[in-house]
Amino acid sequence: MLHVTCDLCGKKLRPGEDQRYVVKMEAYPVDDPAQITDDDLDLDHMEAISQMLQECEDNETDLELVEPYKSFRYDLCSQCHEKFVRDPMARDKEPKFQFSKN
């Protein structure tokens, strides 16, 4: 038997009894190409590539790899789904502060 819980509130969702929603999201970088000029066409691109490769070899340990594509999948109960549809980015969520009792 498949056991599913809401990824936001933790409610157990029973197959066939509780409505369950699946939310899928993708995050990826966007490369907006710049406009090509005549100066760009006059550049020696082979030299620029050679220099970039040399810099990568020299700084091999300093390379920071960024994951280019990430997908997310969440199971939501009907109440959390309603909240998500109203405010997908949770912009209206009030910050909760925990102050110590001094």
PDB file of N, CA and C in Angstrom:
ATOM      1  N   MET A   1       0.843  -1.180   0.000  1.00  0.00           N
ATOM      2  CA  MET A   1       0.000   0.000   0.000  1.00  0.00           C
ATOM      3  C   MET A   1       0.888   1.242   0.000  1.00  0.00           C
ATOM      4  N   LEU A   2       0.520   2.204  -0.804  1.00  0.00           N
ATOM      5  CA  LEU A   2       1.244   3.449  -0.945  1.00  0.00           C
ATOM      6  C   LEU A   2       0.881   4.401   0.200  1.00  0.00           C
ATOM      7  N   HIS A   3       1.901   4.922   0.894  1.00  0.00           N
ATOM      8  CA  HIS A   3       1.683   5.886   1.974  1.00  0.00           C
ATOM      9  C   HIS A   3       2.154   7.252   1.498  1.00  0.00           C
ATOM     10  N   VAL A   4       1.232   8.226   1.507  1.00  0.00           N
ATOM     11  CA  VAL A   4       1.548   9.570   1.037  1.00  0.00           C
ATOM     12  C   VAL A   4       1.166  10.567   2.116  1.00  0.00           C
ATOM     13  N   THR A   5       2.024  11.555   2.312  1.00  0.00           N
ATOM     14  CA  THR A   5       1.712  12.646   3.232  1.00  0.00           C
ATOM     15  C   THR A   5       1.854  13.964   2.485  1.00  0.00           C
ATOM     16  N   CYS A   6       1.121  14.963   2.958  1.00  0.00           N
ATOM     17  CA  CYS A   6       1.204  16.298   2.377  1.00  0.00           C
ATOM     18  C   CYS A   6       2.584  16.865   2.695  1.00  0.00           C
ATOM     19  N   ASP A   7       3.267  17.361   1.681  1.00  0.00           N
ATOM     20  CA  ASP A   7       4.613  17.892   1.874  1.00  0.00           C
ATOM     21  C   ASP A   7       4.632  19.237   2.586  1.00  0.00           C
ATOM     22  N   LEU A   8       3.474  19.874   2.776  1.00  0.00           N
ATOM     23  CA  LEU A   8       3.444  21.139   3.515  1.00  0.00           C
ATOM     24  C   LEU A   8       3.004  20.957   4.958  1.00  0.00           C
ATOM     25  N   CYS A   9       1.877  20.294   5.178  1.00  0.00           N
ATOM     26  CA  CYS A   9       1.355  20.195   6.548  1.00  0.00           C
ATOM     27  C   CYS A   9       1.623  18.840   7.203  1.00  0.00           C
ATOM     28  N   GLY A  10       2.007  17.832   6.414  1.00  0.00           N
ATOM     29  CA  GLY A  10       2.312  16.521   6.979  1.00  0.00           C
ATOM     30  C   GLY A  10       1.108  15.599   7.157  1.00  0.00           C
ATOM     31  N   LYS A  11      -0.059  16.027   6.715  1.00  0.00           N
ATOM     32  CA  LYS A  11      -1.267  15.210   6.846  1.00  0.00           C
ATOM     33  C   LYS A  11      -1.125  13.932   6.025  1.00  0.00           C
ATOM     34  N   LYS A  12      -1.539  12.800   6.613  1.00  0.00           N
ATOM     35  CA  LYS A  12      -1.515  11.533   5.880  1.00  0.00           C
ATOM     36  C   LYS A  12      -2.670  11.539   4.885  1.00  0.00           C
ATOM     37  N   LEU A  13      -2.362  11.195   3.645  1.00  0.00           N
ATOM     38  CA  LEU A  13      -3.365  11.166   2.581  1.00  0.00           C
ATOM     39  C   LEU A  13      -3.662   9.722   2.229  1.00  0.00           C
ATOM     40  N   ARG A  14      -4.928   9.336   2.403  1.00  0.00           N
ATOM     41  CA  ARG A  14      -5.338   7.958   2.144  1.00  0.00           C
ATOM     42  C   ARG A  14      -5.815   7.826   0.699  1.00  0.00           C
ATOM     43  N   PRO A  15      -5.201   6.912  -0.064  1.00  0.00           N
ATOM     44  CA  PRO A  15      -5.614   6.722  -1.461  1.00  0.00           C
ATOM     45  C   PRO A  15      -7.090   6.349  -1.544  1.00  0.00           C
ATOM     46  N   GLY A  16      -7.805   7.022  -2.438  1.00  0.00           N
ATOM     47  CA  GLY A  16      -9.223   6.740  -2.618  1.00  0.00           C
ATOM     48  C   GLY A  16     -10.133   7.489  -1.667  1.00  0.00           C
ATOM     49  N   GLU A  17      -9.585   8.056  -0.588  1.00  0.00           N
ATOM     50  CA  GLU A  17     -10.406   8.771   0.388  1.00  0.00           C
ATOM     51  C   GLU A  17     -10.105  10.268   0.400  1.00  0.00           C
ATOM     52  N   ASP A  18      -8.837  10.624   0.365  1.00  0.00           N
ATOM     53  CA  ASP A  18      -8.432  12.034   0.406  1.00  0.00           C
ATOM     54  C   ASP A  18      -8.019  12.498  -0.983  1.00  0.00           C
ATOM     55  N   GLN A  19      -8.411  13.739  -1.296  1.00  0.00           N
ATOM     56  CA  GLN A  19      -7.983  14.333  -2.566  1.00  0.00           C
ATOM     57  C   GLN A  19      -6.508  14.703  -2.439  1.00  0.00           C
ATOM     58  N   ARG A  20      -5.727  14.337  -3.438  1.00  0.00           N
ATOM     59  CA  ARG A  20      -4.287  14.633  -3.425  1.00  0.00           C
ATOM     60  C   ARG A  20      -3.944  15.368  -4.701  1.00  0.00           C
ATOM     61  N   TYR A  21      -3.089  16.384  -4.560  1.00  0.00           N
ATOM     62  CA  TYR A  21      -2.641  17.174  -5.697  1.00  0.00           C
ATOM     63  C   TYR A  21      -1.124  17.040  -5.811  1.00  0.00           C
ATOM     64  N   VAL A  22      -0.634  17.043  -7.042  1.00  0.00           N
ATOM     65  CA  VAL A  22       0.798  17.002  -7.295  1.00  0.00           C
ATOM     66  C   VAL A  22       1.196  18.340  -7.902  1.00  0.00           C
ATOM     67  N   VAL A  23       2.226  18.960  -7.321  1.00  0.00           N
ATOM     68  CA  VAL A  23       2.769  20.212  -7.837  1.00  0.00           C
ATOM     69  C   VAL A  23       4.163  19.918  -8.347  1.00  0.00           C
ATOM     70  N   LYS A  24       4.434  20.298  -9.602  1.00  0.00           N
ATOM     71  CA  LYS A  24       5.756  20.124 -10.189  1.00  0.00           C
ATOM     72  C   LYS A  24       6.293  21.495 -10.565  1.00  0.00           C
ATOM     73  N   MET A  25       7.579  21.720 -10.231  1.00  0.00           N
ATOM     74  CA  MET A  25       8.226  22.988 -10.559  1.00  0.00           C
ATOM     75  C   MET A  25       9.582  22.703 -11.183  1.00  0.00           C
ATOM     76  N   GLU A  26      10.022  23.634 -12.007  1.00  0.00           N
ATOM     77  CA  GLU A  26      11.330  23.539 -12.641  1.00  0.00           C
ATOM     78  C   GLU A  26      12.074  24.844 -12.418  1.00  0.00           C
ATOM     79  N   ALA A  27      13.374  24.741 -12.192  1.00  0.00           N
ATOM     80  CA  ALA A  27      14.224  25.920 -12.067  1.00  0.00           C
ATOM     81  C   ALA A  27      15.439  25.710 -12.958  1.00  0.00           C
ATOM     82  N   TYR A  28      15.690  26.683 -13.823  1.00  0.00           N
ATOM     83  CA  TYR A  28      16.830  26.575 -14.730  1.00  0.00           C
ATOM     84  C   TYR A  28      17.289  27.973 -15.133  1.00  0.00           C
ATOM     85  N   PRO A  29      18.566  28.099 -15.453  1.00  0.00           N
ATOM     86  CA  PRO A  29      19.078  29.412 -15.850  1.00  0.00           C
ATOM     87  C   PRO A  29      18.611  29.767 -17.260  1.00  0.00           C
ATOM     88  N   VAL A  30      18.435  31.050 -17.490  1.00  0.00           N
ATOM     89  CA  VAL A  30      18.038  31.537 -18.797  1.00  0.00           C
ATOM     90  C   VAL A  30      19.192  32.350 -19.359  1.00  0.00           C
ATOM     91  N   ASP A  31      19.570  32.039 -20.570  1.00  0.00           N
ATOM     92  CA  ASP A  31      20.652  32.764 -21.214  1.00  0.00           C
ATOM     93  C   ASP A  31      20.057  33.627 -22.314  1.00  0.00           C
ATOM     94  N   ASP A  32      19.893  34.893 -21.991  1.00  0.00           N
ATOM     95  CA  ASP A  32      19.384  35.825 -22.982  1.00  0.00           C
ATOM     96  C   ASP A  32      20.550  36.303 -23.832  1.00  0.00           C
ATOM     97  N   PRO A  33      20.595  35.933 -25.106  1.00  0.00           N
ATOM     98  CA  PRO A  33      21.733  36.322 -25.949  1.00  0.00           C
ATOM     99  C   PRO A  33      21.770  37.826 -26.168  1.00  0.00           C
ATOM    100  N   ALA A  34      22.974  38.358 -26.122  1.00  0.00           N
ATOM    101  CA  ALA A  34      23.160  39.778 -26.387  1.00  0.00           C
ATOM    102  C   ALA A  34      23.148  39.995 -27.896  1.00  0.00           C
ATOM    103  N   GLN A  35      22.956  41.218 -28.292  1.00  0.00           N
ATOM    104  CA  GLN A  35      22.957  41.534 -29.711  1.00  0.00           C
ATOM    105  C   GLN A  35      24.390  41.476 -30.237  1.00  0.00           C
ATOM    106  N   ILE A  36      24.594  40.821 -31.359  1.00  0.00           N
ATOM    107  CA  ILE A  36      25.928  40.679 -31.951  1.00  0.00           C
ATOM    108  C   ILE A  36      26.246  41.936 -32.758  1.00  0.00           C
ATOM    109  N   THR A  37      27.453  42.458 -32.520  1.00  0.00           N
ATOM    110  CA  THR A  37      27.907  43.650 -33.243  1.00  0.00           C
ATOM    111  C   THR A  37      29.035  43.265 -34.190  1.00  0.00           C
ATOM    112  N   ASP A  38      29.448  44.209 -35.020  1.00  0.00           N
ATOM    113  CA  ASP A  38      30.578  43.978 -35.933  1.00  0.00           C
ATOM    114  C   ASP A  38      31.858  43.738 -35.146  1.00  0.00           C
ATOM    115  N   ASP A  39      32.013  44.389 -33.994  1.00  0.00           N
ATOM    116  CA  ASP A  39      33.204  44.183 -33.162  1.00  0.00           C
ATOM    117  C   ASP A  39      33.287  42.745 -32.666  1.00  0.00           C
ATOM    118  N   ASP A  40      32.143  42.152 -32.346  1.00  0.00           N
ATOM    119  CA  ASP A  40      32.121  40.754 -31.906  1.00  0.00           C
ATOM    120  C   ASP A  40      32.628  39.827 -33.004  1.00  0.00           C
ATOM    121  N   LEU A  41      32.274  40.132 -34.222  1.00  0.00           N
ATOM    122  CA  LEU A  41      32.680  39.289 -35.347  1.00  0.00           C
ATOM    123  C   LEU A  41      34.171  39.426 -35.649  1.00  0.00           C
ATOM    124  N   ASP A  42      34.770  40.556 -35.294  1.00  0.00           N
ATOM    125  CA  ASP A  42      36.193  40.782 -35.554  1.00  0.00           C
ATOM    126  C   ASP A  42      37.094  40.154 -34.495  1.00  0.00           C
ATOM    127  N   LEU A  43      36.547  39.761 -33.350  1.00  0.00           N
ATOM    128  CA  LEU A  43      37.351  39.202 -32.265  1.00  0.00           C
ATOM    129  C   LEU A  43      37.901  37.829 -32.626  1.00  0.00           C
ATOM    130  N   ASP A  44      39.064  37.492 -32.046  1.00  0.00           N
ATOM    131  CA  ASP A  44      39.661  36.167 -32.230  1.00  0.00           C
ATOM    132  C   ASP A  44      39.105  35.259 -31.140  1.00  0.00           C
ATOM    133  N   HIS A  45      38.043  34.543 -31.450  1.00  0.00           N
ATOM    134  CA  HIS A  45      37.366  33.709 -30.465  1.00  0.00           C
ATOM    135  C   HIS A  45      38.211  32.506 -30.053  1.00  0.00           C
ATOM    136  N   MET A  46      39.039  31.998 -30.939  1.00  0.00           N
ATOM    137  CA  MET A  46      39.897  30.857 -30.602  1.00  0.00           C
ATOM    138  C   MET A  46      40.877  31.248 -29.501  1.00  0.00           C
ATOM    139  N   GLU A  47      41.392  32.442 -29.570  1.00  0.00           N
ATOM    140  CA  GLU A  47      42.310  32.919 -28.533  1.00  0.00           C
ATOM    141  C   GLU A  47      41.572  33.077 -27.204  1.00  0.00           C
ATOM    142  N   ALA A  48      40.364  33.603 -27.247  1.00  0.00           N
ATOM    143  CA  ALA A  48      39.579  33.784 -26.022  1.00  0.00           C
ATOM    144  C   ALA A  48      39.250  32.430 -25.389  1.00  0.00           C
ATOM    145  N   ILE A  49      38.889  31.446 -26.194  1.00  0.00           N
ATOM    146  CA  ILE A  49      38.588  30.108 -25.681  1.00  0.00           C
ATOM    147  C   ILE A  49      39.828  29.469 -25.084  1.00  0.00           C
ATOM    148  N   SER A  50      40.953  29.611 -25.763  1.00  0.00           N
ATOM    149  CA  SER A  50      42.217  29.069 -25.253  1.00  0.00           C
ATOM    150  C   SER A  50      42.561  29.678 -23.894  1.00  0.00           C
ATOM    151  N   GLN A  51      42.366  30.969 -23.768  1.00  0.00           N
ATOM    152  CA  GLN A  51      42.650  31.647 -22.500  1.00  0.00           C
ATOM    153  C   GLN A  51      41.703  31.160 -21.400  1.00  0.00           C
ATOM    154  N   MET A  52      40.420  30.980 -21.709  1.00  0.00           N
ATOM    155  CA  MET A  52      39.457  30.496 -20.715  1.00  0.00           C
ATOM    156  C   MET A  52      39.803  29.082 -20.259  1.00  0.00           C
ATOM    157  N   LEU A  53      40.206  28.223 -21.189  1.00  0.00           N
ATOM    158  CA  LEU A  53      40.588  26.857 -20.833  1.00  0.00           C
ATOM    159  C   LEU A  53      41.822  26.857 -19.938  1.00  0.00           C
ATOM    160  N   GLN A  54      42.780  27.722 -20.250  1.00  0.00           N
ATOM    161  CA  GLN A  54      43.997  27.809 -19.434  1.00  0.00           C
ATOM    162  C   GLN A  54      43.652  28.266 -18.022  1.00  0.00           C
ATOM    163  N   GLU A  55      42.761  29.246 -17.904  1.00  0.00           N
ATOM    164  CA  GLU A  55      42.345  29.726 -16.581  1.00  0.00           C
ATOM    165  C   GLU A  55      41.638  28.621 -15.794  1.00  0.00           C
ATOM    166  N   CYS A  56      40.818  27.808 -16.472  1.00  0.00           N
ATOM    167  CA  CYS A  56      40.138  26.695 -15.810  1.00  0.00           C
ATOM    168  C   CYS A  56      41.145  25.671 -15.294  1.00  0.00           C
ATOM    169  N   GLU A  57      42.168  25.390 -16.080  1.00  0.00           N
ATOM    170  CA  GLU A  57      43.191  24.437 -15.648  1.00  0.00           C
ATOM    171  C   GLU A  57      43.980  24.979 -14.471  1.00  0.00           C
ATOM    172  N   ASP A  58      44.273  26.277 -14.492  1.00  0.00           N
ATOM    173  CA  ASP A  58      45.054  26.896 -13.411  1.00  0.00           C
ATOM    174  C   ASP A  58      44.259  26.955 -12.106  1.00  0.00           C
ATOM    175  N   ASN A  59      42.967  27.127 -12.199  1.00  0.00           N
ATOM    176  CA  ASN A  59      42.116  27.287 -11.014  1.00  0.00           C
ATOM    177  C   ASN A  59      41.167  26.113 -10.868  1.00  0.00           C
ATOM    178  N   GLU A  60      41.644  24.910 -11.083  1.00  0.00           N
ATOM    179  CA  GLU A  60      40.784  23.725 -11.094  1.00  0.00           C
ATOM    180  C   GLU A  60      40.019  23.538  -9.795  1.00  0.00           C
ATOM    181  N   THR A  61      40.644  23.822  -8.666  1.00  0.00           N
ATOM    182  CA  THR A  61      39.972  23.628  -7.375  1.00  0.00           C
ATOM    183  C   THR A  61      38.991  24.743  -7.065  1.00  0.00           C
ATOM    184  N   ASP A  62      39.083  25.874  -7.764  1.00  0.00           N
ATOM    185  CA  ASP A  62      38.213  27.007  -7.491  1.00  0.00           C
ATOM    186  C   ASP A  62      36.914  26.964  -8.285  1.00  0.00           C
ATOM    187  N   LEU A  63      36.758  25.963  -9.143  1.00  0.00           N
ATOM    188  CA  LEU A  63      35.556  25.896  -9.960  1.00  0.00           C
ATOM    189  C   LEU A  63      34.333  25.629  -9.091  1.00  0.00           C
ATOM    190  N   GLU A  64      33.317  26.412  -9.313  1.00  0.00           N
ATOM    191  CA  GLU A  64      32.072  26.240  -8.569  1.00  0.00           C
ATOM    192  C   GLU A  64      31.006  25.828  -9.580  1.00  0.00           C
ATOM    193  N   LEU A  65      30.585  24.585  -9.511  1.00  0.00           N
ATOM    194  CA  LEU A  65      29.610  24.089 -10.465  1.00  0.00           C
ATOM    195  C   LEU A  65      28.201  24.401  -9.983  1.00  0.00           C
ATOM    196  N   VAL A  66      27.418  24.961 -10.856  1.00  0.00           N
ATOM    197  CA  VAL A  66      26.034  25.284 -10.556  1.00  0.00           C
ATOM    198  C   VAL A  66      25.155  24.283 -11.292  1.00  0.00           C
ATOM    199  N   GLU A  67      24.231  23.699 -10.552  1.00  0.00           N
ATOM    200  CA  GLU A  67      23.324  22.749 -11.172  1.00  0.00           C
ATOM    201  C   GLU A  67      22.418  23.517 -12.136  1.00  0.00           C
ATOM    202  N   PRO A  68      22.507  23.218 -13.440  1.00  0.00           N
ATOM    203  CA  PRO A  68      21.794  24.033 -14.413  1.00  0.00           C
ATOM    204  C   PRO A  68      20.282  23.814 -14.434  1.00  0.00           C
ATOM    205  N   TYR A  69      19.828  22.657 -14.009  1.00  0.00           N
ATOM    206  CA  TYR A  69      18.405  22.352 -14.088  1.00  0.00           C
ATOM    207  C   TYR A  69      18.001  21.590 -12.843  1.00  0.00           C
ATOM    208  N   LYS A  70      16.903  21.967 -12.265  1.00  0.00           N
ATOM    209  CA  LYS A  70      16.413  21.282 -11.071  1.00  0.00           C
ATOM    210  C   LYS A  70      14.903  21.193 -11.170  1.00  0.00           C
ATOM    211  N   SER A  71      14.365  20.016 -10.895  1.00  0.00           N
ATOM    212  CA  SER A  71      12.910  19.869 -10.879  1.00  0.00           C
ATOM    213  C   SER A  71      12.475  19.419  -9.491  1.00  0.00           C
ATOM    214  N   PHE A  72      11.287  19.842  -9.112  1.00  0.00           N
ATOM    215  CA  PHE A  72      10.743  19.544  -7.801  1.00  0.00           C
ATOM    216  C   PHE A  72       9.351  18.941  -7.971  1.00  0.00           C
ATOM    217  N   ARG A  73       8.986  18.021  -7.066  1.00  0.00           N
ATOM    218  CA  ARG A  73       7.652  17.409  -7.087  1.00  0.00           C
ATOM    219  C   ARG A  73       7.149  17.339  -5.653  1.00  0.00           C
ATOM    220  N   TYR A  74       5.934  17.845  -5.434  1.00  0.00           N
ATOM    221  CA  TYR A  74       5.347  17.865  -4.101  1.00  0.00           C
ATOM    222  C   TYR A  74       3.937  17.292  -4.137  1.00  0.00           C
ATOM    223  N   ASP A  75       3.569  16.557  -3.092  1.00  0.00           N
ATOM    224  CA  ASP A  75       2.201  16.082  -2.898  1.00  0.00           C
ATOM    225  C   ASP A  75       1.539  17.016  -1.894  1.00  0.00           C
ATOM    226  N   LEU A  76       0.339  17.493  -2.234  1.00  0.00           N
ATOM    227  CA  LEU A  76      -0.373  18.418  -1.359  1.00  0.00           C
ATOM    228  C   LEU A  76      -1.785  17.921  -1.084  1.00  0.00           C
ATOM    229  N   CYS A  77      -2.258  18.161   0.144  1.00  0.00           N
ATOM    230  CA  CYS A  77      -3.657  17.892   0.475  1.00  0.00           C
ATOM    231  C   CYS A  77      -4.503  19.015  -0.135  1.00  0.00           C
ATOM    232  N   SER A  78      -5.816  18.893  -0.090  1.00  0.00           N
ATOM    233  CA  SER A  78      -6.674  19.885  -0.743  1.00  0.00           C
ATOM    234  C   SER A  78      -6.547  21.271  -0.098  1.00  0.00           C
ATOM    235  N   GLN A  79      -6.401  21.336   1.229  1.00  0.00           N
ATOM    236  CA  GLN A  79      -6.273  22.640   1.891  1.00  0.00           C
ATOM    237  C   GLN A  79      -4.964  23.335   1.497  1.00  0.00           C
ATOM    238  N   CYS A  80      -3.856  22.589   1.499  1.00  0.00           N
ATOM    239  CA  CYS A  80      -2.563  23.177   1.131  1.00  0.00           C
ATOM    240  C   CYS A  80      -2.536  23.535  -0.357  1.00  0.00           C
ATOM    241  N   HIS A  81      -3.232  22.742  -1.176  1.00  0.00           N
ATOM    242  CA  HIS A  81      -3.320  23.051  -2.602  1.00  0.00           C
ATOM    243  C   HIS A  81      -4.034  24.383  -2.816  1.00  0.00           C
ATOM    244  N   GLU A  82      -5.120  24.613  -2.084  1.00  0.00           N
ATOM    245  CA  GLU A  82      -5.845  25.882  -2.195  1.00  0.00           C
ATOM    246  C   GLU A  82      -4.941  27.048  -1.821  1.00  0.00           C
ATOM    247  N   LYS A  83      -4.184  26.902  -0.727  1.00  0.00           N
ATOM    248  CA  LYS A  83      -3.250  27.956  -0.310  1.00  0.00           C
ATOM    249  C   LYS A  83      -2.186  28.189  -1.371  1.00  0.00           C
ATOM    250  N   PHE A  84      -1.669  27.111  -1.935  1.00  0.00           N
ATOM    251  CA  PHE A  84      -0.621  27.219  -2.943  1.00  0.00           C
ATOM    252  C   PHE A  84      -1.125  27.929  -4.198  1.00  0.00           C
ATOM    253  N   VAL A  85      -2.332  27.590  -4.639  1.00  0.00           N
ATOM    254  CA  VAL A  85      -2.889  28.204  -5.842  1.00  0.00           C
ATOM    255  C   VAL A  85      -3.124  29.703  -5.636  1.00  0.00           C
ATOM    256  N   ARG A  86      -3.547  30.085  -4.432  1.00  0.00           N
ATOM    257  CA  ARG A  86      -3.768  31.506  -4.129  1.00  0.00           C
ATOM    258  C   ARG A  86      -2.469  32.297  -4.069  1.00  0.00           C
ATOM    259  N   ASP A  87      -1.399  31.683  -3.558  1.00  0.00           N
ATOM    260  CA  ASP A  87      -0.133  32.395  -3.366  1.00  0.00           C
ATOM    261  C   ASP A  87       1.044  31.435  -3.580  1.00  0.00           C
ATOM    262  N   PRO A  88       1.360  31.096  -4.848  1.00  0.00           N
ATOM    263  CA  PRO A  88       2.389  30.075  -5.120  1.00  0.00           C
ATOM    264  C   PRO A  88       3.779  30.423  -4.593  1.00  0.00           C
ATOM    265  N   MET A  89       4.101  31.701  -4.511  1.00  0.00           N
ATOM    266  CA  MET A  89       5.426  32.104  -4.046  1.00  0.00           C
ATOM    267  C   MET A  89       5.441  32.430  -2.548  1.00  0.00           C
ATOM    268  N   ALA A  90       4.312  32.231  -1.869  1.00  0.00           N
ATOM    269  CA  ALA A  90       4.171  32.485  -0.431  1.00  0.00           C
ATOM    270  C   ALA A  90       4.587  33.906  -0.071  1.00  0.00           C
ATOM    271  N   ARG A  91       4.196  34.854  -0.891  1.00  0.00           N
ATOM    272  CA  ARG A  91       4.552  36.260  -0.641  1.00  0.00           C
ATOM    273  C   ARG A  91       3.735  36.861   0.493  1.00  0.00           C
ATOM    274  N   ASP A  92       2.529  36.358   0.682  1.00  0.00           N
ATOM    275  CA  ASP A  92       1.661  36.908   1.729  1.00  0.00           C
ATOM    276  C   ASP A  92       1.898  36.271   3.093  1.00  0.00           C
ATOM    277  N   LYS A  93       2.772  35.282   3.139  1.00  0.00           N
ATOM    278  CA  LYS A  93       3.014  34.584   4.399  1.00  0.00           C
ATOM    279  C   LYS A  93       3.704  35.526   5.387  1.00  0.00           C
ATOM    280  N   GLU A  94       3.134  35.617   6.558  1.00  0.00           N
ATOM    281  CA  GLU A  94       3.700  36.489   7.575  1.00  0.00           C
ATOM    282  C   GLU A  94       4.914  35.826   8.216  1.00  0.00           C
ATOM    283  N   PRO A  95       5.970  36.598   8.441  1.00  0.00           N
ATOM    284  CA  PRO A  95       7.129  36.006   9.115  1.00  0.00           C
ATOM    285  C   PRO A  95       6.787  35.684  10.566  1.00  0.00           C
ATOM    286  N   LYS A  96       7.259  34.550  11.030  1.00  0.00           N
ATOM    287  CA  LYS A  96       7.000  34.140  12.409  1.00  0.00           C
ATOM    288  C   LYS A  96       8.293  34.307  13.203  1.00  0.00           C
ATOM    289  N   PHE A  97       8.219  35.134  14.233  1.00  0.00           N
ATOM    290  CA  PHE A  97       9.380  35.383  15.060  1.00  0.00           C
ATOM    291  C   PHE A  97       9.225  34.664  16.396  1.00  0.00           C
ATOM    292  N   GLN A  98      10.289  34.073  16.846  1.00  0.00           N
ATOM    293  CA  GLN A  98      10.300  33.395  18.145  1.00  0.00           C
ATOM    294  C   GLN A  98      11.214  34.222  19.067  1.00  0.00           C
ATOM    295  N   PHE A  99      10.617  34.969  19.982  1.00  0.00           N
ATOM    296  CA  PHE A  99      11.393  35.781  20.904  1.00  0.00           C
ATOM    297  C   PHE A  99      11.520  35.041  22.225  1.00  0.00           C
ATOM    298  N   SER A 100      12.712  35.109  22.797  1.00  0.00           N
ATOM    299  CA  SER A 100      12.917  34.462  24.085  1.00  0.00           C
ATOM    300  C   SER A 100      12.294  35.306  25.195  1.00  0.00           C
ATOM    301  N   LYS A 101      11.917  34.651  26.306  1.00  0.00           N
ATOM    302  CA  LYS A 101      11.336  35.359  27.436  1.00  0.00           C
ATOM    303  C   LYS A 101      12.473  35.765  28.370  1.00  0.00           C
ATOM    304  N   ASN A 102      12.769  37.055  28.360  1.00  0.00           N
ATOM    305  CA  ASN A 102      13.879  37.554  29.204  1.00  0.00           C
ATOM    306  C   ASN A 102      13.372  38.042  30.521  1.00  0.00           C
TER     307      ASN A 102
END
